[in-house]
Amino acid sequence: LKADGTDAMESRRGLPTPMTAFYK
C-alpha cells in the first residue's frame, strides 16, 4: 500500500520482455 492507502502497482509485475517494455 502507498501512504494514501491505495494499492502500489509494483505489487504484481510481469517480466519486462522487449514487447512488454515497449508497451510500458
PDBML (XML) file of the C-alpha atoms, coordinates in Angstrom:
<?xml version="1.0" encoding="UTF-8" ?>
<PDBx:datablock datablockName="MODEL"
   xmlns:PDBx="http://pdbml.pdb.org/schema/pdbx-v50.xsd"
   xmlns:xsi="http://www.w3.org/2001/XMLSchema-instance"
   xsi:schemaLocation="http://pdbml.pdb.org/schema/pdbx-v50.xsd pdbx-v50.xsd">
   <PDBx:atom_siteCategory>
      <PDBx:atom_site id="1">
         <PDBx:B_iso_or_equiv>0.00</PDBx:B_iso_or_equiv>
         <PDBx:Cartn_x>0.000</PDBx:Cartn_x>
         <PDBx:Cartn_y>0.000</PDBx:Cartn_y>
         <PDBx:Cartn_z>0.000</PDBx:Cartn_z>
         <PDBx:auth_asym_id>A</PDBx:auth_asym_id>
         <PDBx:auth_atom_id>CA</PDBx:auth_atom_id>
         <PDBx:auth_comp_id>LEU</PDBx:auth_comp_id>
         <PDBx:auth_seq_id>1</PDBx:auth_seq_id>
         <PDBx:group_PDB>ATOM</PDBx:group_PDB>
         <PDBx:label_alt_id xsi:nil="true" />
         <PDBx:label_asym_id>A</PDBx:label_asym_id>
         <PDBx:label_atom_id>CA</PDBx:label_atom_id>
         <PDBx:label_comp_id>LEU</PDBx:label_comp_id>
         <PDBx:label_entity_id>1</PDBx:label_entity_id>
         <PDBx:label_seq_id>1</PDBx:label_seq_id>
         <PDBx:occupancy>1.00</PDBx:occupancy>
         <PDBx:pdbx_PDB_model_num>1</PDBx:pdbx_PDB_model_num>
         <PDBx:type_symbol>C</PDBx:type_symbol>
      </PDBx:atom_site>
      <PDBx:atom_site id="2">
         <PDBx:B_iso_or_equiv>0.00</PDBx:B_iso_or_equiv>
         <PDBx:Cartn_x>1.101</PDBx:Cartn_x>
         <PDBx:Cartn_y>3.550</PDBx:Cartn_y>
         <PDBx:Cartn_z>-0.680</PDBx:Cartn_z>
         <PDBx:auth_asym_id>A</PDBx:auth_asym_id>
         <PDBx:auth_atom_id>CA</PDBx:auth_atom_id>
         <PDBx:auth_comp_id>LYS</PDBx:auth_comp_id>
         <PDBx:auth_seq_id>2</PDBx:auth_seq_id>
         <PDBx:group_PDB>ATOM</PDBx:group_PDB>
         <PDBx:label_alt_id xsi:nil="true" />
         <PDBx:label_asym_id>A</PDBx:label_asym_id>
         <PDBx:label_atom_id>CA</PDBx:label_atom_id>
         <PDBx:label_comp_id>LYS</PDBx:label_comp_id>
         <PDBx:label_entity_id>1</PDBx:label_entity_id>
         <PDBx:label_seq_id>2</PDBx:label_seq_id>
         <PDBx:occupancy>1.00</PDBx:occupancy>
         <PDBx:pdbx_PDB_model_num>1</PDBx:pdbx_PDB_model_num>
         <PDBx:type_symbol>C</PDBx:type_symbol>
      </PDBx:atom_site>
      <PDBx:atom_site id="3">
         <PDBx:B_iso_or_equiv>0.00</PDBx:B_iso_or_equiv>
         <PDBx:Cartn_x>0.938</PDBx:Cartn_x>
         <PDBx:Cartn_y>6.237</PDBx:Cartn_y>
         <PDBx:Cartn_z>2.005</PDBx:Cartn_z>
         <PDBx:auth_asym_id>A</PDBx:auth_asym_id>
         <PDBx:auth_atom_id>CA</PDBx:auth_atom_id>
         <PDBx:auth_comp_id>ALA</PDBx:auth_comp_id>
         <PDBx:auth_seq_id>3</PDBx:auth_seq_id>
         <PDBx:group_PDB>ATOM</PDBx:group_PDB>
         <PDBx:label_alt_id xsi:nil="true" />
         <PDBx:label_asym_id>A</PDBx:label_asym_id>
         <PDBx:label_atom_id>CA</PDBx:label_atom_id>
         <PDBx:label_comp_id>ALA</PDBx:label_comp_id>
         <PDBx:label_entity_id>1</PDBx:label_entity_id>
         <PDBx:label_seq_id>3</PDBx:label_seq_id>
         <PDBx:occupancy>1.00</PDBx:occupancy>
         <PDBx:pdbx_PDB_model_num>1</PDBx:pdbx_PDB_model_num>
         <PDBx:type_symbol>C</PDBx:type_symbol>
      </PDBx:atom_site>
      <PDBx:atom_site id="4">
         <PDBx:B_iso_or_equiv>0.00</PDBx:B_iso_or_equiv>
         <PDBx:Cartn_x>-2.604</PDBx:Cartn_x>
         <PDBx:Cartn_y>7.196</PDBx:Cartn_y>
         <PDBx:Cartn_z>0.950</PDBx:Cartn_z>
         <PDBx:auth_asym_id>A</PDBx:auth_asym_id>
         <PDBx:auth_atom_id>CA</PDBx:auth_atom_id>
         <PDBx:auth_comp_id>ASP</PDBx:auth_comp_id>
         <PDBx:auth_seq_id>4</PDBx:auth_seq_id>
         <PDBx:group_PDB>ATOM</PDBx:group_PDB>
         <PDBx:label_alt_id xsi:nil="true" />
         <PDBx:label_asym_id>A</PDBx:label_asym_id>
         <PDBx:label_atom_id>CA</PDBx:label_atom_id>
         <PDBx:label_comp_id>ASP</PDBx:label_comp_id>
         <PDBx:label_entity_id>1</PDBx:label_entity_id>
         <PDBx:label_seq_id>4</PDBx:label_seq_id>
         <PDBx:occupancy>1.00</PDBx:occupancy>
         <PDBx:pdbx_PDB_model_num>1</PDBx:pdbx_PDB_model_num>
         <PDBx:type_symbol>C</PDBx:type_symbol>
      </PDBx:atom_site>
      <PDBx:atom_site id="5">
         <PDBx:B_iso_or_equiv>0.00</PDBx:B_iso_or_equiv>
         <PDBx:Cartn_x>-3.857</PDBx:Cartn_x>
         <PDBx:Cartn_y>3.623</PDBx:Cartn_y>
         <PDBx:Cartn_z>1.321</PDBx:Cartn_z>
         <PDBx:auth_asym_id>A</PDBx:auth_asym_id>
         <PDBx:auth_atom_id>CA</PDBx:auth_atom_id>
         <PDBx:auth_comp_id>GLY</PDBx:auth_comp_id>
         <PDBx:auth_seq_id>5</PDBx:auth_seq_id>
         <PDBx:group_PDB>ATOM</PDBx:group_PDB>
         <PDBx:label_alt_id xsi:nil="true" />
         <PDBx:label_asym_id>A</PDBx:label_asym_id>
         <PDBx:label_atom_id>CA</PDBx:label_atom_id>
         <PDBx:label_comp_id>GLY</PDBx:label_comp_id>
         <PDBx:label_entity_id>1</PDBx:label_entity_id>
         <PDBx:label_seq_id>5</PDBx:label_seq_id>
         <PDBx:occupancy>1.00</PDBx:occupancy>
         <PDBx:pdbx_PDB_model_num>1</PDBx:pdbx_PDB_model_num>
         <PDBx:type_symbol>C</PDBx:type_symbol>
      </PDBx:atom_site>
      <PDBx:atom_site id="6">
         <PDBx:B_iso_or_equiv>0.00</PDBx:B_iso_or_equiv>
         <PDBx:Cartn_x>-4.106</PDBx:Cartn_x>
         <PDBx:Cartn_y>2.877</PDBx:Cartn_y>
         <PDBx:Cartn_z>-2.408</PDBx:Cartn_z>
         <PDBx:auth_asym_id>A</PDBx:auth_asym_id>
         <PDBx:auth_atom_id>CA</PDBx:auth_atom_id>
         <PDBx:auth_comp_id>THR</PDBx:auth_comp_id>
         <PDBx:auth_seq_id>6</PDBx:auth_seq_id>
         <PDBx:group_PDB>ATOM</PDBx:group_PDB>
         <PDBx:label_alt_id xsi:nil="true" />
         <PDBx:label_asym_id>A</PDBx:label_asym_id>
         <PDBx:label_atom_id>CA</PDBx:label_atom_id>
         <PDBx:label_comp_id>THR</PDBx:label_comp_id>
         <PDBx:label_entity_id>1</PDBx:label_entity_id>
         <PDBx:label_seq_id>6</PDBx:label_seq_id>
         <PDBx:occupancy>1.00</PDBx:occupancy>
         <PDBx:pdbx_PDB_model_num>1</PDBx:pdbx_PDB_model_num>
         <PDBx:type_symbol>C</PDBx:type_symbol>
      </PDBx:atom_site>
      <PDBx:atom_site id="7">
         <PDBx:B_iso_or_equiv>0.00</PDBx:B_iso_or_equiv>
         <PDBx:Cartn_x>-2.512</PDBx:Cartn_x>
         <PDBx:Cartn_y>-0.197</PDBx:Cartn_y>
         <PDBx:Cartn_z>-3.950</PDBx:Cartn_z>
         <PDBx:auth_asym_id>A</PDBx:auth_asym_id>
         <PDBx:auth_atom_id>CA</PDBx:auth_atom_id>
         <PDBx:auth_comp_id>ASP</PDBx:auth_comp_id>
         <PDBx:auth_seq_id>7</PDBx:auth_seq_id>
         <PDBx:group_PDB>ATOM</PDBx:group_PDB>
         <PDBx:label_alt_id xsi:nil="true" />
         <PDBx:label_asym_id>A</PDBx:label_asym_id>
         <PDBx:label_atom_id>CA</PDBx:label_atom_id>
         <PDBx:label_comp_id>ASP</PDBx:label_comp_id>
         <PDBx:label_entity_id>1</PDBx:label_entity_id>
         <PDBx:label_seq_id>7</PDBx:label_seq_id>
         <PDBx:occupancy>1.00</PDBx:occupancy>
         <PDBx:pdbx_PDB_model_num>1</PDBx:pdbx_PDB_model_num>
         <PDBx:type_symbol>C</PDBx:type_symbol>
      </PDBx:atom_site>
      <PDBx:atom_site id="8">
         <PDBx:B_iso_or_equiv>0.00</PDBx:B_iso_or_equiv>
         <PDBx:Cartn_x>1.027</PDBx:Cartn_x>
         <PDBx:Cartn_y>0.068</PDBx:Cartn_y>
         <PDBx:Cartn_z>-5.313</PDBx:Cartn_z>
         <PDBx:auth_asym_id>A</PDBx:auth_asym_id>
         <PDBx:auth_atom_id>CA</PDBx:auth_atom_id>
         <PDBx:auth_comp_id>ALA</PDBx:auth_comp_id>
         <PDBx:auth_seq_id>8</PDBx:auth_seq_id>
         <PDBx:group_PDB>ATOM</PDBx:group_PDB>
         <PDBx:label_alt_id xsi:nil="true" />
         <PDBx:label_asym_id>A</PDBx:label_asym_id>
         <PDBx:label_atom_id>CA</PDBx:label_atom_id>
         <PDBx:label_comp_id>ALA</PDBx:label_comp_id>
         <PDBx:label_entity_id>1</PDBx:label_entity_id>
         <PDBx:label_seq_id>8</PDBx:label_seq_id>
         <PDBx:occupancy>1.00</PDBx:occupancy>
         <PDBx:pdbx_PDB_model_num>1</PDBx:pdbx_PDB_model_num>
         <PDBx:type_symbol>C</PDBx:type_symbol>
      </PDBx:atom_site>
      <PDBx:atom_site id="9">
         <PDBx:B_iso_or_equiv>0.00</PDBx:B_iso_or_equiv>
         <PDBx:Cartn_x>1.117</PDBx:Cartn_x>
         <PDBx:Cartn_y>-1.262</PDBx:Cartn_y>
         <PDBx:Cartn_z>-8.869</PDBx:Cartn_z>
         <PDBx:auth_asym_id>A</PDBx:auth_asym_id>
         <PDBx:auth_atom_id>CA</PDBx:auth_atom_id>
         <PDBx:auth_comp_id>MET</PDBx:auth_comp_id>
         <PDBx:auth_seq_id>9</PDBx:auth_seq_id>
         <PDBx:group_PDB>ATOM</PDBx:group_PDB>
         <PDBx:label_alt_id xsi:nil="true" />
         <PDBx:label_asym_id>A</PDBx:label_asym_id>
         <PDBx:label_atom_id>CA</PDBx:label_atom_id>
         <PDBx:label_comp_id>MET</PDBx:label_comp_id>
         <PDBx:label_entity_id>1</PDBx:label_entity_id>
         <PDBx:label_seq_id>9</PDBx:label_seq_id>
         <PDBx:occupancy>1.00</PDBx:occupancy>
         <PDBx:pdbx_PDB_model_num>1</PDBx:pdbx_PDB_model_num>
         <PDBx:type_symbol>C</PDBx:type_symbol>
      </PDBx:atom_site>
      <PDBx:atom_site id="10">
         <PDBx:B_iso_or_equiv>0.00</PDBx:B_iso_or_equiv>
         <PDBx:Cartn_x>4.594</PDBx:Cartn_x>
         <PDBx:Cartn_y>-2.712</PDBx:Cartn_y>
         <PDBx:Cartn_z>-8.214</PDBx:Cartn_z>
         <PDBx:auth_asym_id>A</PDBx:auth_asym_id>
         <PDBx:auth_atom_id>CA</PDBx:auth_atom_id>
         <PDBx:auth_comp_id>GLU</PDBx:auth_comp_id>
         <PDBx:auth_seq_id>10</PDBx:auth_seq_id>
         <PDBx:group_PDB>ATOM</PDBx:group_PDB>
         <PDBx:label_alt_id xsi:nil="true" />
         <PDBx:label_asym_id>A</PDBx:label_asym_id>
         <PDBx:label_atom_id>CA</PDBx:label_atom_id>
         <PDBx:label_comp_id>GLU</PDBx:label_comp_id>
         <PDBx:label_entity_id>1</PDBx:label_entity_id>
         <PDBx:label_seq_id>10</PDBx:label_seq_id>
         <PDBx:occupancy>1.00</PDBx:occupancy>
         <PDBx:pdbx_PDB_model_num>1</PDBx:pdbx_PDB_model_num>
         <PDBx:type_symbol>C</PDBx:type_symbol>
      </PDBx:atom_site>
      <PDBx:atom_site id="11">
         <PDBx:B_iso_or_equiv>0.00</PDBx:B_iso_or_equiv>
         <PDBx:Cartn_x>2.952</PDBx:Cartn_x>
         <PDBx:Cartn_y>-5.396</PDBx:Cartn_y>
         <PDBx:Cartn_z>-6.054</PDBx:Cartn_z>
         <PDBx:auth_asym_id>A</PDBx:auth_asym_id>
         <PDBx:auth_atom_id>CA</PDBx:auth_atom_id>
         <PDBx:auth_comp_id>SER</PDBx:auth_comp_id>
         <PDBx:auth_seq_id>11</PDBx:auth_seq_id>
         <PDBx:group_PDB>ATOM</PDBx:group_PDB>
         <PDBx:label_alt_id xsi:nil="true" />
         <PDBx:label_asym_id>A</PDBx:label_asym_id>
         <PDBx:label_atom_id>CA</PDBx:label_atom_id>
         <PDBx:label_comp_id>SER</PDBx:label_comp_id>
         <PDBx:label_entity_id>1</PDBx:label_entity_id>
         <PDBx:label_seq_id>11</PDBx:label_seq_id>
         <PDBx:occupancy>1.00</PDBx:occupancy>
         <PDBx:pdbx_PDB_model_num>1</PDBx:pdbx_PDB_model_num>
         <PDBx:type_symbol>C</PDBx:type_symbol>
      </PDBx:atom_site>
      <PDBx:atom_site id="12">
         <PDBx:B_iso_or_equiv>0.00</PDBx:B_iso_or_equiv>
         <PDBx:Cartn_x>2.425</PDBx:Cartn_x>
         <PDBx:Cartn_y>-7.526</PDBx:Cartn_y>
         <PDBx:Cartn_z>-9.187</PDBx:Cartn_z>
         <PDBx:auth_asym_id>A</PDBx:auth_asym_id>
         <PDBx:auth_atom_id>CA</PDBx:auth_atom_id>
         <PDBx:auth_comp_id>ARG</PDBx:auth_comp_id>
         <PDBx:auth_seq_id>12</PDBx:auth_seq_id>
         <PDBx:group_PDB>ATOM</PDBx:group_PDB>
         <PDBx:label_alt_id xsi:nil="true" />
         <PDBx:label_asym_id>A</PDBx:label_asym_id>
         <PDBx:label_atom_id>CA</PDBx:label_atom_id>
         <PDBx:label_comp_id>ARG</PDBx:label_comp_id>
         <PDBx:label_entity_id>1</PDBx:label_entity_id>
         <PDBx:label_seq_id>12</PDBx:label_seq_id>
         <PDBx:occupancy>1.00</PDBx:occupancy>
         <PDBx:pdbx_PDB_model_num>1</PDBx:pdbx_PDB_model_num>
         <PDBx:type_symbol>C</PDBx:type_symbol>
      </PDBx:atom_site>
      <PDBx:atom_site id="13">
         <PDBx:B_iso_or_equiv>0.00</PDBx:B_iso_or_equiv>
         <PDBx:Cartn_x>4.658</PDBx:Cartn_x>
         <PDBx:Cartn_y>-7.263</PDBx:Cartn_y>
         <PDBx:Cartn_z>-12.247</PDBx:Cartn_z>
         <PDBx:auth_asym_id>A</PDBx:auth_asym_id>
         <PDBx:auth_atom_id>CA</PDBx:auth_atom_id>
         <PDBx:auth_comp_id>ARG</PDBx:auth_comp_id>
         <PDBx:auth_seq_id>13</PDBx:auth_seq_id>
         <PDBx:group_PDB>ATOM</PDBx:group_PDB>
         <PDBx:label_alt_id xsi:nil="true" />
         <PDBx:label_asym_id>A</PDBx:label_asym_id>
         <PDBx:label_atom_id>CA</PDBx:label_atom_id>
         <PDBx:label_comp_id>ARG</PDBx:label_comp_id>
         <PDBx:label_entity_id>1</PDBx:label_entity_id>
         <PDBx:label_seq_id>13</PDBx:label_seq_id>
         <PDBx:occupancy>1.00</PDBx:occupancy>
         <PDBx:pdbx_PDB_model_num>1</PDBx:pdbx_PDB_model_num>
         <PDBx:type_symbol>C</PDBx:type_symbol>
      </PDBx:atom_site>
      <PDBx:atom_site id="14">
         <PDBx:B_iso_or_equiv>0.00</PDBx:B_iso_or_equiv>
         <PDBx:Cartn_x>5.370</PDBx:Cartn_x>
         <PDBx:Cartn_y>-9.148</PDBx:Cartn_y>
         <PDBx:Cartn_z>-15.426</PDBx:Cartn_z>
         <PDBx:auth_asym_id>A</PDBx:auth_asym_id>
         <PDBx:auth_atom_id>CA</PDBx:auth_atom_id>
         <PDBx:auth_comp_id>GLY</PDBx:auth_comp_id>
         <PDBx:auth_seq_id>14</PDBx:auth_seq_id>
         <PDBx:group_PDB>ATOM</PDBx:group_PDB>
         <PDBx:label_alt_id xsi:nil="true" />
         <PDBx:label_asym_id>A</PDBx:label_asym_id>
         <PDBx:label_atom_id>CA</PDBx:label_atom_id>
         <PDBx:label_comp_id>GLY</PDBx:label_comp_id>
         <PDBx:label_entity_id>1</PDBx:label_entity_id>
         <PDBx:label_seq_id>14</PDBx:label_seq_id>
         <PDBx:occupancy>1.00</PDBx:occupancy>
         <PDBx:pdbx_PDB_model_num>1</PDBx:pdbx_PDB_model_num>
         <PDBx:type_symbol>C</PDBx:type_symbol>
      </PDBx:atom_site>
      <PDBx:atom_site id="15">
         <PDBx:B_iso_or_equiv>0.00</PDBx:B_iso_or_equiv>
         <PDBx:Cartn_x>8.791</PDBx:Cartn_x>
         <PDBx:Cartn_y>-9.683</PDBx:Cartn_y>
         <PDBx:Cartn_z>-16.915</PDBx:Cartn_z>
         <PDBx:auth_asym_id>A</PDBx:auth_asym_id>
         <PDBx:auth_atom_id>CA</PDBx:auth_atom_id>
         <PDBx:auth_comp_id>LEU</PDBx:auth_comp_id>
         <PDBx:auth_seq_id>15</PDBx:auth_seq_id>
         <PDBx:group_PDB>ATOM</PDBx:group_PDB>
         <PDBx:label_alt_id xsi:nil="true" />
         <PDBx:label_asym_id>A</PDBx:label_asym_id>
         <PDBx:label_atom_id>CA</PDBx:label_atom_id>
         <PDBx:label_comp_id>LEU</PDBx:label_comp_id>
         <PDBx:label_entity_id>1</PDBx:label_entity_id>
         <PDBx:label_seq_id>15</PDBx:label_seq_id>
         <PDBx:occupancy>1.00</PDBx:occupancy>
         <PDBx:pdbx_PDB_model_num>1</PDBx:pdbx_PDB_model_num>
         <PDBx:type_symbol>C</PDBx:type_symbol>
      </PDBx:atom_site>
      <PDBx:atom_site id="16">
         <PDBx:B_iso_or_equiv>0.00</PDBx:B_iso_or_equiv>
         <PDBx:Cartn_x>9.937</PDBx:Cartn_x>
         <PDBx:Cartn_y>-6.692</PDBx:Cartn_y>
         <PDBx:Cartn_z>-18.986</PDBx:Cartn_z>
         <PDBx:auth_asym_id>A</PDBx:auth_asym_id>
         <PDBx:auth_atom_id>CA</PDBx:auth_atom_id>
         <PDBx:auth_comp_id>PRO</PDBx:auth_comp_id>
         <PDBx:auth_seq_id>16</PDBx:auth_seq_id>
         <PDBx:group_PDB>ATOM</PDBx:group_PDB>
         <PDBx:label_alt_id xsi:nil="true" />
         <PDBx:label_asym_id>A</PDBx:label_asym_id>
         <PDBx:label_atom_id>CA</PDBx:label_atom_id>
         <PDBx:label_comp_id>PRO</PDBx:label_comp_id>
         <PDBx:label_entity_id>1</PDBx:label_entity_id>
         <PDBx:label_seq_id>16</PDBx:label_seq_id>
         <PDBx:occupancy>1.00</PDBx:occupancy>
         <PDBx:pdbx_PDB_model_num>1</PDBx:pdbx_PDB_model_num>
         <PDBx:type_symbol>C</PDBx:type_symbol>
      </PDBx:atom_site>
      <PDBx:atom_site id="17">
         <PDBx:B_iso_or_equiv>0.00</PDBx:B_iso_or_equiv>
         <PDBx:Cartn_x>10.306</PDBx:Cartn_x>
         <PDBx:Cartn_y>-8.586</PDBx:Cartn_y>
         <PDBx:Cartn_z>-22.238</PDBx:Cartn_z>
         <PDBx:auth_asym_id>A</PDBx:auth_asym_id>
         <PDBx:auth_atom_id>CA</PDBx:auth_atom_id>
         <PDBx:auth_comp_id>THR</PDBx:auth_comp_id>
         <PDBx:auth_seq_id>17</PDBx:auth_seq_id>
         <PDBx:group_PDB>ATOM</PDBx:group_PDB>
         <PDBx:label_alt_id xsi:nil="true" />
         <PDBx:label_asym_id>A</PDBx:label_asym_id>
         <PDBx:label_atom_id>CA</PDBx:label_atom_id>
         <PDBx:label_comp_id>THR</PDBx:label_comp_id>
         <PDBx:label_entity_id>1</PDBx:label_entity_id>
         <PDBx:label_seq_id>17</PDBx:label_seq_id>
         <PDBx:occupancy>1.00</PDBx:occupancy>
         <PDBx:pdbx_PDB_model_num>1</PDBx:pdbx_PDB_model_num>
         <PDBx:type_symbol>C</PDBx:type_symbol>
      </PDBx:atom_site>
      <PDBx:atom_site id="18">
         <PDBx:B_iso_or_equiv>0.00</PDBx:B_iso_or_equiv>
         <PDBx:Cartn_x>11.128</PDBx:Cartn_x>
         <PDBx:Cartn_y>-6.333</PDBx:Cartn_y>
         <PDBx:Cartn_z>-25.202</PDBx:Cartn_z>
         <PDBx:auth_asym_id>A</PDBx:auth_asym_id>
         <PDBx:auth_atom_id>CA</PDBx:auth_atom_id>
         <PDBx:auth_comp_id>PRO</PDBx:auth_comp_id>
         <PDBx:auth_seq_id>18</PDBx:auth_seq_id>
         <PDBx:group_PDB>ATOM</PDBx:group_PDB>
         <PDBx:label_alt_id xsi:nil="true" />
         <PDBx:label_asym_id>A</PDBx:label_asym_id>
         <PDBx:label_atom_id>CA</PDBx:label_atom_id>
         <PDBx:label_comp_id>PRO</PDBx:label_comp_id>
         <PDBx:label_entity_id>1</PDBx:label_entity_id>
         <PDBx:label_seq_id>18</PDBx:label_seq_id>
         <PDBx:occupancy>1.00</PDBx:occupancy>
         <PDBx:pdbx_PDB_model_num>1</PDBx:pdbx_PDB_model_num>
         <PDBx:type_symbol>C</PDBx:type_symbol>
      </PDBx:atom_site>
      <PDBx:atom_site id="19">
         <PDBx:B_iso_or_equiv>0.00</PDBx:B_iso_or_equiv>
         <PDBx:Cartn_x>7.449</PDBx:Cartn_x>
         <PDBx:Cartn_y>-6.017</PDBx:Cartn_y>
         <PDBx:Cartn_z>-26.163</PDBx:Cartn_z>
         <PDBx:auth_asym_id>A</PDBx:auth_asym_id>
         <PDBx:auth_atom_id>CA</PDBx:auth_atom_id>
         <PDBx:auth_comp_id>MET</PDBx:auth_comp_id>
         <PDBx:auth_seq_id>19</PDBx:auth_seq_id>
         <PDBx:group_PDB>ATOM</PDBx:group_PDB>
         <PDBx:label_alt_id xsi:nil="true" />
         <PDBx:label_asym_id>A</PDBx:label_asym_id>
         <PDBx:label_atom_id>CA</PDBx:label_atom_id>
         <PDBx:label_comp_id>MET</PDBx:label_comp_id>
         <PDBx:label_entity_id>1</PDBx:label_entity_id>
         <PDBx:label_seq_id>19</PDBx:label_seq_id>
         <PDBx:occupancy>1.00</PDBx:occupancy>
         <PDBx:pdbx_PDB_model_num>1</PDBx:pdbx_PDB_model_num>
         <PDBx:type_symbol>C</PDBx:type_symbol>
      </PDBx:atom_site>
      <PDBx:atom_site id="20">
         <PDBx:B_iso_or_equiv>0.00</PDBx:B_iso_or_equiv>
         <PDBx:Cartn_x>6.218</PDBx:Cartn_x>
         <PDBx:Cartn_y>-5.613</PDBx:Cartn_y>
         <PDBx:Cartn_z>-22.581</PDBx:Cartn_z>
         <PDBx:auth_asym_id>A</PDBx:auth_asym_id>
         <PDBx:auth_atom_id>CA</PDBx:auth_atom_id>
         <PDBx:auth_comp_id>THR</PDBx:auth_comp_id>
         <PDBx:auth_seq_id>20</PDBx:auth_seq_id>
         <PDBx:group_PDB>ATOM</PDBx:group_PDB>
         <PDBx:label_alt_id xsi:nil="true" />
         <PDBx:label_asym_id>A</PDBx:label_asym_id>
         <PDBx:label_atom_id>CA</PDBx:label_atom_id>
         <PDBx:label_comp_id>THR</PDBx:label_comp_id>
         <PDBx:label_entity_id>1</PDBx:label_entity_id>
         <PDBx:label_seq_id>20</PDBx:label_seq_id>
         <PDBx:occupancy>1.00</PDBx:occupancy>
         <PDBx:pdbx_PDB_model_num>1</PDBx:pdbx_PDB_model_num>
         <PDBx:type_symbol>C</PDBx:type_symbol>
      </PDBx:atom_site>
      <PDBx:atom_site id="21">
         <PDBx:B_iso_or_equiv>0.00</PDBx:B_iso_or_equiv>
         <PDBx:Cartn_x>8.820</PDBx:Cartn_x>
         <PDBx:Cartn_y>-2.901</PDBx:Cartn_y>
         <PDBx:Cartn_z>-22.009</PDBx:Cartn_z>
         <PDBx:auth_asym_id>A</PDBx:auth_asym_id>
         <PDBx:auth_atom_id>CA</PDBx:auth_atom_id>
         <PDBx:auth_comp_id>ALA</PDBx:auth_comp_id>
         <PDBx:auth_seq_id>21</PDBx:auth_seq_id>
         <PDBx:group_PDB>ATOM</PDBx:group_PDB>
         <PDBx:label_alt_id xsi:nil="true" />
         <PDBx:label_asym_id>A</PDBx:label_asym_id>
         <PDBx:label_atom_id>CA</PDBx:label_atom_id>
         <PDBx:label_comp_id>ALA</PDBx:label_comp_id>
         <PDBx:label_entity_id>1</PDBx:label_entity_id>
         <PDBx:label_seq_id>21</PDBx:label_seq_id>
         <PDBx:occupancy>1.00</PDBx:occupancy>
         <PDBx:pdbx_PDB_model_num>1</PDBx:pdbx_PDB_model_num>
         <PDBx:type_symbol>C</PDBx:type_symbol>
      </PDBx:atom_site>
      <PDBx:atom_site id="22">
         <PDBx:B_iso_or_equiv>0.00</PDBx:B_iso_or_equiv>
         <PDBx:Cartn_x>7.797</PDBx:Cartn_x>
         <PDBx:Cartn_y>-1.232</PDBx:Cartn_y>
         <PDBx:Cartn_z>-25.273</PDBx:Cartn_z>
         <PDBx:auth_asym_id>A</PDBx:auth_asym_id>
         <PDBx:auth_atom_id>CA</PDBx:auth_atom_id>
         <PDBx:auth_comp_id>PHE</PDBx:auth_comp_id>
         <PDBx:auth_seq_id>22</PDBx:auth_seq_id>
         <PDBx:group_PDB>ATOM</PDBx:group_PDB>
         <PDBx:label_alt_id xsi:nil="true" />
         <PDBx:label_asym_id>A</PDBx:label_asym_id>
         <PDBx:label_atom_id>CA</PDBx:label_atom_id>
         <PDBx:label_comp_id>PHE</PDBx:label_comp_id>
         <PDBx:label_entity_id>1</PDBx:label_entity_id>
         <PDBx:label_seq_id>22</PDBx:label_seq_id>
         <PDBx:occupancy>1.00</PDBx:occupancy>
         <PDBx:pdbx_PDB_model_num>1</PDBx:pdbx_PDB_model_num>
         <PDBx:type_symbol>C</PDBx:type_symbol>
      </PDBx:atom_site>
      <PDBx:atom_site id="23">
         <PDBx:B_iso_or_equiv>0.00</PDBx:B_iso_or_equiv>
         <PDBx:Cartn_x>4.113</PDBx:Cartn_x>
         <PDBx:Cartn_y>-1.147</PDBx:Cartn_y>
         <PDBx:Cartn_z>-24.247</PDBx:Cartn_z>
         <PDBx:auth_asym_id>A</PDBx:auth_asym_id>
         <PDBx:auth_atom_id>CA</PDBx:auth_atom_id>
         <PDBx:auth_comp_id>TYR</PDBx:auth_comp_id>
         <PDBx:auth_seq_id>23</PDBx:auth_seq_id>
         <PDBx:group_PDB>ATOM</PDBx:group_PDB>
         <PDBx:label_alt_id xsi:nil="true" />
         <PDBx:label_asym_id>A</PDBx:label_asym_id>
         <PDBx:label_atom_id>CA</PDBx:label_atom_id>
         <PDBx:label_comp_id>TYR</PDBx:label_comp_id>
         <PDBx:label_entity_id>1</PDBx:label_entity_id>
         <PDBx:label_seq_id>23</PDBx:label_seq_id>
         <PDBx:occupancy>1.00</PDBx:occupancy>
         <PDBx:pdbx_PDB_model_num>1</PDBx:pdbx_PDB_model_num>
         <PDBx:type_symbol>C</PDBx:type_symbol>
      </PDBx:atom_site>
      <PDBx:atom_site id="24">
         <PDBx:B_iso_or_equiv>0.00</PDBx:B_iso_or_equiv>
         <PDBx:Cartn_x>5.145</PDBx:Cartn_x>
         <PDBx:Cartn_y>0.369</PDBx:Cartn_y>
         <PDBx:Cartn_z>-20.880</PDBx:Cartn_z>
         <PDBx:auth_asym_id>A</PDBx:auth_asym_id>
         <PDBx:auth_atom_id>CA</PDBx:auth_atom_id>
         <PDBx:auth_comp_id>LYS</PDBx:auth_comp_id>
         <PDBx:auth_seq_id>24</PDBx:auth_seq_id>
         <PDBx:group_PDB>ATOM</PDBx:group_PDB>
         <PDBx:label_alt_id xsi:nil="true" />
         <PDBx:label_asym_id>A</PDBx:label_asym_id>
         <PDBx:label_atom_id>CA</PDBx:label_atom_id>
         <PDBx:label_comp_id>LYS</PDBx:label_comp_id>
         <PDBx:label_entity_id>1</PDBx:label_entity_id>
         <PDBx:label_seq_id>24</PDBx:label_seq_id>
         <PDBx:occupancy>1.00</PDBx:occupancy>
         <PDBx:pdbx_PDB_model_num>1</PDBx:pdbx_PDB_model_num>
         <PDBx:type_symbol>C</PDBx:type_symbol>
      </PDBx:atom_site>
   </PDBx:atom_siteCategory>
</PDBx:datablock>
